[in-house]
Amino acid sequence: MNEEWTDKIQNINGVKNVERVYIGMIPTEDNPYSMVIGIEPTNDFDMNSMKMMLPEGRMIKDNAKELIVGKLALEDLNKTIGDTITIKDDGFIIVGTYESGDPNQDNEMLTSIKDIQEVLEGPGKINIILGIC
C-alpha cells in the first residue's frame, strides 16, 4: 500500500500516533530468508509497540544502512554490534540488539523504512500501519 494511507489514519479521531512499517523477506549473507522490518526511527518509534526491549546498543538512524538485530538472529549469524551484514549487496552495520521473548521476533532485524524501501525497490510503499490510540 502507499504511504499516503498513514495521513488518512492519523486524521481519525482518537489516533495519537501512526507508524509506517515495511516488512520483507530478504536474503542476507548467511540466510536466504531473513525477515527485515523497516521502521521510522525519526518518528520516535516505540519499541514497546512491538513488545521489544533494546538492551544493548542504540536506535538506528534514518537512511543510514544500520540494523538492530534480534538476539537469536545475532547468535545464529555469529555477529556482534559493530559487525556488518550484507543485504542484497549493501553492507548494513549492526548498531544494537533487541529482545522480545518471542523466538520469531528475536530472529528478525530492524532497519530504517527508507533503507528497506530502497533494497526492495519500493519507494513510498509500506505493508503495515501501526495506529496508537
Protein backbone atom coordinates (compact mmCIF):
# COMPACT_ATOMS: atom_id res chain seq x y z
CA MET A 1 0.00 0.00 0.00
CA ASN A 2 1.04 3.60 -0.43
CA GLU A 3 2.41 5.71 2.46
CA GLU A 4 -0.41 8.24 1.91
CA TRP A 5 -2.69 5.96 3.96
CA THR A 6 -0.81 6.96 7.12
CA ASP A 7 -2.09 10.54 6.82
CA LYS A 8 -5.66 9.32 6.45
CA ILE A 9 -5.38 7.11 9.54
CA GLN A 10 -3.57 9.82 11.54
CA ASN A 11 -6.58 12.11 10.97
CA ILE A 12 -9.05 9.65 12.52
CA ASN A 13 -10.40 10.94 15.82
CA GLY A 14 -8.65 9.25 18.78
CA VAL A 15 -5.50 8.18 16.90
CA LYS A 16 -2.46 9.59 18.74
CA ASN A 17 0.30 8.33 16.51
CA VAL A 18 0.76 6.34 13.32
CA GLU A 19 3.88 4.38 12.46
CA ARG A 20 4.68 3.16 8.95
CA VAL A 21 6.25 -0.29 8.69
CA TYR A 22 7.60 -2.21 5.70
CA ILE A 23 8.45 -5.90 6.16
CA GLY A 24 10.34 -8.01 3.69
CA MET A 25 11.91 -11.44 3.41
CA ILE A 26 15.35 -10.56 2.15
CA PRO A 27 18.39 -12.75 1.51
CA THR A 28 21.36 -11.88 3.70
CA GLU A 29 24.87 -13.26 3.52
CA ASP A 30 24.05 -16.29 5.70
CA ASN A 31 20.31 -16.74 5.33
CA PRO A 32 18.20 -16.80 2.16
CA TYR A 33 15.06 -15.79 4.12
CA SER A 34 15.82 -13.07 6.67
CA MET A 35 12.89 -11.05 8.00
CA VAL A 36 13.87 -7.39 7.84
CA ILE A 37 11.47 -4.76 9.19
CA GLY A 38 11.67 -1.16 8.08
CA ILE A 39 10.62 1.40 10.70
CA GLU A 40 10.69 5.17 11.11
CA PRO A 41 13.46 5.93 13.60
CA THR A 42 12.85 9.68 13.27
CA ASN A 43 9.21 9.21 14.31
CA ASP A 44 10.24 8.30 17.89
CA PHE A 45 9.45 4.70 17.01
CA ASP A 46 8.05 2.99 20.07
CA MET A 47 9.84 -0.33 20.55
CA ASN A 48 7.15 -1.16 23.12
CA SER A 49 4.53 -1.14 20.34
CA MET A 50 6.23 -4.29 19.05
CA LYS A 51 6.94 -5.60 22.58
CA MET A 52 10.72 -5.26 22.17
CA MET A 53 13.44 -4.04 24.50
CA LEU A 54 16.74 -2.58 23.30
CA PRO A 55 19.15 -3.95 25.93
CA GLU A 56 22.37 -3.10 24.09
CA GLY A 57 23.42 -0.51 21.53
CA ARG A 58 21.33 2.33 20.14
CA MET A 59 18.41 3.05 17.84
CA ILE A 60 19.09 3.10 14.10
CA LYS A 61 19.39 6.37 12.22
CA ASP A 62 17.24 7.19 9.23
CA ASN A 63 18.59 6.12 5.84
CA ALA A 64 22.00 5.13 7.29
CA LYS A 65 22.24 1.42 6.38
CA GLU A 66 22.08 0.39 10.04
CA LEU A 67 20.41 -2.58 11.75
CA ILE A 68 19.10 -3.54 15.14
CA VAL A 69 19.23 -7.33 15.19
CA GLY A 70 17.13 -9.67 17.32
CA LYS A 71 19.03 -11.61 19.98
CA LEU A 72 18.52 -15.02 18.32
CA ALA A 73 19.40 -13.76 14.83
CA LEU A 74 22.57 -12.19 16.23
CA GLU A 75 23.56 -15.53 17.78
CA ASP A 76 22.69 -17.51 14.63
CA LEU A 77 24.71 -15.14 12.45
CA ASN A 78 27.60 -15.16 14.95
CA LYS A 79 27.69 -11.36 14.81
CA THR A 80 28.05 -8.58 17.37
CA ILE A 81 27.37 -4.85 17.49
CA GLY A 82 29.71 -3.11 15.06
CA ASP A 83 29.76 -6.01 12.58
CA THR A 84 28.32 -5.71 9.08
CA ILE A 85 25.59 -7.82 7.47
CA THR A 86 25.29 -7.85 3.68
CA ILE A 87 21.76 -7.42 2.38
CA LYS A 88 21.42 -7.53 -1.42
CA ASP A 89 24.99 -6.28 -2.00
CA ASP A 90 24.73 -3.47 0.60
CA GLY A 91 26.57 -3.53 3.89
CA PHE A 92 24.44 -2.73 6.95
CA ILE A 93 26.15 -2.02 10.28
CA ILE A 94 24.71 -3.60 13.43
CA VAL A 95 24.19 -0.78 15.95
CA GLY A 96 22.03 -2.57 18.52
CA THR A 97 20.27 -5.72 19.58
CA TYR A 98 16.75 -6.25 20.85
CA GLU A 99 14.89 -8.90 22.77
CA SER A 100 11.17 -9.58 22.91
CA GLY A 101 10.97 -13.08 24.38
CA ASP A 102 9.22 -14.26 21.19
CA PRO A 103 11.57 -16.55 19.21
CA ASN A 104 10.07 -15.41 15.90
CA GLN A 105 10.57 -11.71 16.62
CA ASP A 106 14.02 -12.31 18.09
CA ASN A 107 15.11 -13.75 14.72
CA GLU A 108 14.27 -10.53 12.85
CA MET A 109 16.18 -7.34 12.04
CA LEU A 110 15.10 -3.70 12.08
CA THR A 111 16.35 -1.01 9.72
CA SER A 112 15.04 2.36 8.56
CA ILE A 113 11.98 2.25 6.34
CA LYS A 114 13.84 4.26 3.68
CA ASP A 115 16.63 1.68 3.58
CA ILE A 116 14.30 -1.31 3.17
CA GLN A 117 12.22 0.54 0.55
CA GLU A 118 15.43 1.11 -1.42
CA VAL A 119 16.55 -2.53 -1.09
CA LEU A 120 13.13 -3.84 -2.11
CA GLU A 121 12.76 -1.20 -4.83
CA GLY A 122 9.56 0.06 -3.28
CA PRO A 123 9.90 3.80 -2.54
CA GLY A 124 6.73 5.08 -0.91
CA LYS A 125 5.43 1.57 -0.23
CA ILE A 126 4.51 0.10 3.15
CA ASN A 127 2.68 -3.04 4.20
CA ILE A 128 1.72 -2.31 7.84
CA ILE A 129 0.41 0.77 9.62
CA LEU A 130 0.52 0.77 13.42
CA GLY A 131 -2.09 3.08 14.87
CA ILE A 132 -1.56 4.09 18.51
CA CYS A 133 -4.77 5.20 20.21
